[in-house]
């Protein structure tokens, strides 16, 4: 039986409901330490952003706006990477959290303040942070890049002929979509069907089947993200397992349709 857009959307919405359930369970009634609070704030942030992006992805799927959908799929993949990385690297999660006042001040101080009181509040926030930040006040390392994060947690890693480590999954779900996000020159080859012809200026649009294939990738990303969070916090994984089985069935149906 062919996979319909309605089936895909219903499945994605089930993942969103699963995300919101996990978010509610992450809100601590009691917490062990400040680091526990920080870890949970990171996970709630990344799950919430993922749910927002999935809902946007569904809207783009309905509108047949493939390029915008791929941009959102890239974001969903990035949120999954950061979630898994911070679960495994609590120290880095805490360090980045403690740098929030510095990051906020660095950007907002370059913009016109709405009034003198707001400007003073921003400066005072930063000065108070420096007073208590200790060695962190002179930390210029910034955040760990998303590529490095993924190579830390990835299973399938390979090396170029020059010995540079890379992940095919990262290139597929993050690197190539980045062509569109940043309007890289390579995006010309994506947008124009005959980009190397001086006479043909036709702009390509993805078929519904290609869009459903992208949605299938998003399902896989969401499962990986939610599974890591639920296992880490000892949450029930049975609802997620039911979604996984349905995802596999949808992906298999799409593959069969592709071979026809």
Protein backbone atom coordinates (compact mmCIF):
# COMPACT_ATOMS: atom_id res chain seq x y z
CA UNK A 1 0.00 0.00 0.00
CA UNK A 2 1.51 3.37 -1.03
CA UNK A 3 2.60 5.70 1.76
CA UNK A 4 0.45 8.82 1.89
CA UNK A 5 1.34 12.31 3.02
CA UNK A 6 -1.37 12.05 5.68
CA UNK A 7 0.28 8.95 7.16
CA UNK A 8 3.65 10.68 7.31
CA UNK A 9 2.19 13.78 8.96
CA UNK A 10 0.27 11.72 11.53
CA UNK A 11 3.48 9.88 12.39
CA UNK A 12 5.47 13.09 12.76
CA UNK A 13 2.74 14.53 15.00
CA UNK A 14 2.97 11.41 17.17
CA UNK A 15 6.68 12.12 17.58
CA UNK A 16 5.87 15.69 18.63
CA UNK A 17 3.48 14.37 21.29
CA UNK A 18 6.25 12.05 22.49
CA UNK A 19 8.61 15.03 22.72
CA UNK A 20 6.16 17.02 24.85
CA UNK A 21 5.70 14.02 27.14
CA UNK A 22 9.48 13.80 27.63
CA UNK A 23 9.69 17.55 28.31
CA UNK A 24 7.09 17.29 31.08
CA UNK A 25 8.95 14.38 32.66
CA UNK A 26 12.21 16.35 32.57
CA UNK A 27 10.85 19.16 34.72
CA UNK A 28 12.37 18.24 38.10
CA UNK A 29 10.31 18.10 41.27
CA UNK A 30 13.58 17.64 43.10
CA UNK A 31 17.05 17.96 41.68
CA UNK A 32 20.38 16.64 42.82
CA UNK A 33 22.60 19.61 41.95
CA UNK A 34 22.96 22.75 39.85
CA UNK A 35 24.57 20.61 37.16
CA UNK A 36 21.44 18.44 37.10
CA UNK A 37 19.31 21.57 36.57
CA UNK A 38 21.59 22.75 33.75
CA UNK A 39 21.54 19.35 32.05
CA UNK A 40 17.75 19.25 32.15
CA UNK A 41 17.45 22.83 30.85
CA UNK A 42 19.63 21.90 27.88
CA UNK A 43 17.54 18.81 27.12
CA UNK A 44 14.23 20.66 27.46
CA UNK A 45 15.55 23.43 25.19
CA UNK A 46 16.70 21.00 22.50
CA UNK A 47 13.50 18.94 22.62
CA UNK A 48 11.33 22.08 22.47
CA UNK A 49 13.25 23.48 19.50
CA UNK A 50 12.99 20.10 17.80
CA UNK A 51 9.20 19.98 18.30
CA UNK A 52 8.88 23.51 16.89
CA UNK A 53 11.01 22.55 13.87
CA UNK A 54 8.99 19.37 13.25
CA UNK A 55 5.77 21.37 13.21
CA UNK A 56 7.37 23.76 10.74
CA UNK A 57 8.56 20.79 8.68
CA UNK A 58 4.98 19.50 8.50
CA UNK A 59 3.80 22.91 7.28
CA UNK A 60 6.49 22.96 4.58
CA UNK A 61 5.60 19.39 3.58
CA UNK A 62 1.97 20.40 3.05
CA UNK A 63 3.09 23.46 1.06
CA UNK A 64 5.44 21.34 -1.12
CA UNK A 65 8.28 23.63 -0.06
CA UNK A 66 11.06 21.07 -0.13
CA UNK A 67 14.03 23.39 0.34
CA UNK A 68 12.58 24.99 3.47
CA UNK A 69 11.69 21.55 4.81
CA UNK A 70 15.29 20.39 4.33
CA UNK A 71 16.56 23.43 6.25
CA UNK A 72 14.30 22.47 9.16
CA UNK A 73 15.38 18.81 8.92
CA UNK A 74 18.98 19.99 9.28
CA UNK A 75 18.05 21.88 12.46
CA UNK A 76 16.28 18.83 13.87
CA UNK A 77 19.41 16.79 13.24
CA UNK A 78 21.60 19.42 14.95
CA UNK A 79 19.34 19.42 18.04
CA UNK A 80 19.70 15.65 18.25
CA UNK A 81 23.50 15.93 18.03
CA UNK A 82 23.72 18.51 20.82
CA UNK A 83 21.33 16.55 23.01
CA UNK A 84 23.37 13.36 22.82
CA UNK A 85 26.68 15.20 23.14
CA UNK A 86 25.63 17.12 26.26
CA UNK A 87 24.23 13.97 27.87
CA UNK A 88 27.68 12.42 27.48
CA UNK A 89 29.64 15.63 28.25
CA UNK A 90 28.04 17.25 31.26
CA UNK A 91 31.08 19.38 31.99
CA UNK A 92 30.89 21.09 28.59
CA UNK A 93 27.13 21.55 28.93
CA UNK A 94 27.67 23.28 32.27
CA UNK A 95 30.51 25.43 30.94
CA UNK A 96 28.45 26.70 28.03
CA UNK A 97 25.49 27.36 30.30
CA UNK A 98 27.61 29.47 32.62
CA UNK A 99 28.77 31.55 29.64
CA UNK A 100 25.22 32.78 28.93
CA UNK A 101 25.70 36.30 30.42
CA UNK A 102 28.91 36.72 28.43
CA UNK A 103 27.26 35.60 25.19
CA UNK A 104 24.20 37.80 25.77
CA UNK A 105 26.31 40.85 26.58
CA UNK A 106 28.66 40.28 23.62
CA UNK A 107 25.80 40.53 21.13
CA UNK A 108 23.29 42.88 22.77
CA UNK A 109 25.94 45.44 23.74
CA UNK A 110 26.59 46.02 20.02
CA UNK A 111 22.96 47.01 19.42
CA UNK A 112 21.17 50.24 20.40
CA UNK A 113 19.51 49.80 23.79
CA UNK A 114 15.78 50.62 24.01
CA UNK A 115 16.52 52.99 26.91
CA UNK A 116 19.20 53.90 29.48
CA UNK A 117 17.74 51.55 32.10
CA UNK A 118 18.00 48.56 29.77
CA UNK A 119 21.59 49.49 28.86
CA UNK A 120 22.53 49.76 32.53
CA UNK A 121 20.85 46.44 33.34
CA UNK A 122 22.84 44.70 30.61
CA UNK A 123 26.14 46.14 31.85
CA UNK A 124 25.35 45.29 35.49
CA UNK A 125 24.44 41.72 34.54
CA UNK A 126 27.77 41.31 32.79
CA UNK A 127 29.83 42.90 35.58
CA UNK A 128 28.14 40.73 38.20
CA UNK A 129 28.87 37.67 36.11
CA UNK A 130 32.55 38.62 35.76
CA UNK A 131 32.77 39.14 39.51
CA UNK A 132 31.71 35.56 40.19
CA UNK A 133 32.87 33.75 37.04
CA UNK A 134 36.45 33.12 38.12
CA UNK A 135 38.59 31.61 35.38
CA UNK A 136 35.54 31.35 33.14
CA UNK A 137 35.61 35.14 32.70
CA UNK A 138 38.67 34.77 30.47
CA UNK A 139 37.41 31.68 28.64
CA UNK A 140 37.55 32.39 24.91
CA UNK A 141 37.12 28.80 23.74
CA UNK A 142 33.49 29.32 22.71
CA UNK A 143 31.35 26.26 22.05
CA UNK A 144 32.37 22.91 20.64
CA UNK A 145 31.44 22.82 16.94
CA UNK A 146 28.55 20.62 15.87
CA UNK A 147 30.81 18.62 13.53
CA UNK A 148 33.17 17.76 16.39
CA UNK A 149 30.19 16.93 18.60
CA UNK A 150 28.86 14.43 16.08
CA UNK A 151 32.21 12.76 15.51
CA UNK A 152 32.34 12.22 19.28
CA UNK A 153 29.04 10.32 19.31
CA UNK A 154 28.86 8.88 15.77
CA UNK A 155 29.06 5.16 15.14
CA UNK A 156 29.96 5.14 11.45
CA UNK A 157 33.16 7.16 11.05
CA UNK A 158 35.54 7.04 8.12
CA UNK A 159 38.72 8.77 6.95
CA UNK A 160 39.59 10.64 3.78
CA UNK A 161 42.77 9.80 1.85
CA UNK A 162 44.39 12.62 3.85
CA UNK A 163 43.44 10.95 7.13
CA UNK A 164 40.69 13.42 8.04
CA UNK A 165 37.87 11.84 10.02
CA UNK A 166 34.31 12.28 8.77
CA UNK A 167 30.83 10.83 9.03
CA UNK A 168 28.70 10.06 5.93
CA UNK A 169 25.54 10.58 8.01
CA UNK A 170 26.69 14.05 9.08
CA UNK A 171 27.48 15.04 5.49
CA UNK A 172 24.09 13.75 4.30
CA UNK A 173 21.91 15.31 7.01
CA UNK A 174 23.90 18.44 7.90
CA UNK A 175 26.66 19.20 5.41
CA UNK A 176 24.71 19.05 2.14
CA UNK A 177 21.62 20.86 3.55
CA UNK A 178 24.05 23.58 4.66
CA UNK A 179 24.58 24.41 0.98
CA UNK A 180 21.04 25.80 0.99
CA UNK A 181 21.17 27.35 4.46
CA UNK A 182 24.28 29.40 3.64
CA UNK A 183 23.61 29.85 -0.11
CA UNK A 184 26.84 28.04 -0.89
CA UNK A 185 27.87 27.93 -4.55
CA UNK A 186 27.08 24.20 -4.53
CA UNK A 187 23.41 25.12 -3.97
CA UNK A 188 23.32 26.32 -7.58
CA UNK A 189 23.65 22.69 -8.63
CA UNK A 190 20.73 21.84 -6.34
CA UNK A 191 18.38 24.59 -7.47
CA UNK A 192 19.01 24.71 -11.23
CA UNK A 193 18.25 21.46 -13.04
CA UNK A 194 20.82 22.22 -15.74
CA UNK A 195 23.14 24.51 -13.85
CA UNK A 196 26.06 24.05 -16.25
CA UNK A 197 24.00 24.91 -19.33
CA UNK A 198 23.97 28.54 -20.46
CA UNK A 199 20.64 28.03 -22.21
CA UNK A 200 18.51 26.28 -19.60
CA UNK A 201 17.43 28.22 -16.50
CA UNK A 202 14.83 25.80 -15.19
CA UNK A 203 14.52 25.72 -11.39
CA UNK A 204 13.96 22.29 -9.92
CA UNK A 205 11.27 21.32 -7.43
CA UNK A 206 11.26 18.13 -5.41
CA UNK A 207 8.62 15.51 -6.06
CA UNK A 208 6.21 14.47 -3.32
CA UNK A 209 8.08 11.17 -3.10
CA UNK A 210 11.38 13.01 -2.42
CA UNK A 211 9.70 15.07 0.27
CA UNK A 212 8.29 11.97 1.93
CA UNK A 213 11.80 10.50 1.84
CA UNK A 214 13.08 13.58 3.70
CA UNK A 215 10.29 13.12 6.24
CA UNK A 216 11.42 9.53 6.72
CA UNK A 217 14.91 10.79 7.61
CA UNK A 218 13.38 13.19 10.14
CA UNK A 219 11.56 10.28 11.79
CA UNK A 220 14.88 8.46 12.18
CA UNK A 221 16.49 11.55 13.71
CA UNK A 222 13.62 12.07 16.15
CA UNK A 223 13.75 8.45 17.26
CA UNK A 224 17.50 8.67 17.97
CA UNK A 225 17.03 11.94 19.88
CA UNK A 226 14.14 10.72 22.02
CA UNK A 227 15.67 7.32 22.66
CA UNK A 228 18.87 8.87 24.04
CA UNK A 229 16.93 11.18 26.37
CA UNK A 230 14.45 8.55 27.58
CA UNK A 231 17.14 5.98 28.30
CA UNK A 232 19.36 8.51 30.10
CA UNK A 233 16.52 9.57 32.41
CA UNK A 234 15.03 6.08 32.84
CA UNK A 235 11.77 6.98 31.10
CA UNK A 236 9.41 4.45 29.56
CA UNK A 237 10.59 3.65 26.03
CA UNK A 238 7.64 1.45 25.01
CA UNK A 239 5.67 4.29 23.30
CA UNK A 240 8.83 5.18 21.40
CA UNK A 241 9.36 1.56 20.37
CA UNK A 242 5.89 1.50 18.83
CA UNK A 243 6.80 4.60 16.83
CA UNK A 244 10.07 2.99 15.78
CA UNK A 245 8.29 -0.06 14.35
CA UNK A 246 5.90 2.17 12.44
CA UNK A 247 8.83 4.26 11.15
CA UNK A 248 10.57 1.14 9.85
CA UNK A 249 7.39 0.06 8.09
CA UNK A 250 7.00 3.48 6.43
CA UNK A 251 10.66 3.51 5.37
CA UNK A 252 10.37 0.00 3.89
CA UNK A 253 7.21 1.00 1.98
CA UNK A 254 8.98 4.06 0.59
CA UNK A 255 11.94 1.93 -0.54
CA UNK A 256 9.59 -0.47 -2.33
CA UNK A 257 7.88 2.42 -4.09
CA UNK A 258 11.26 3.78 -5.11
CA UNK A 259 12.19 0.47 -6.78
CA UNK A 260 9.02 0.41 -8.88
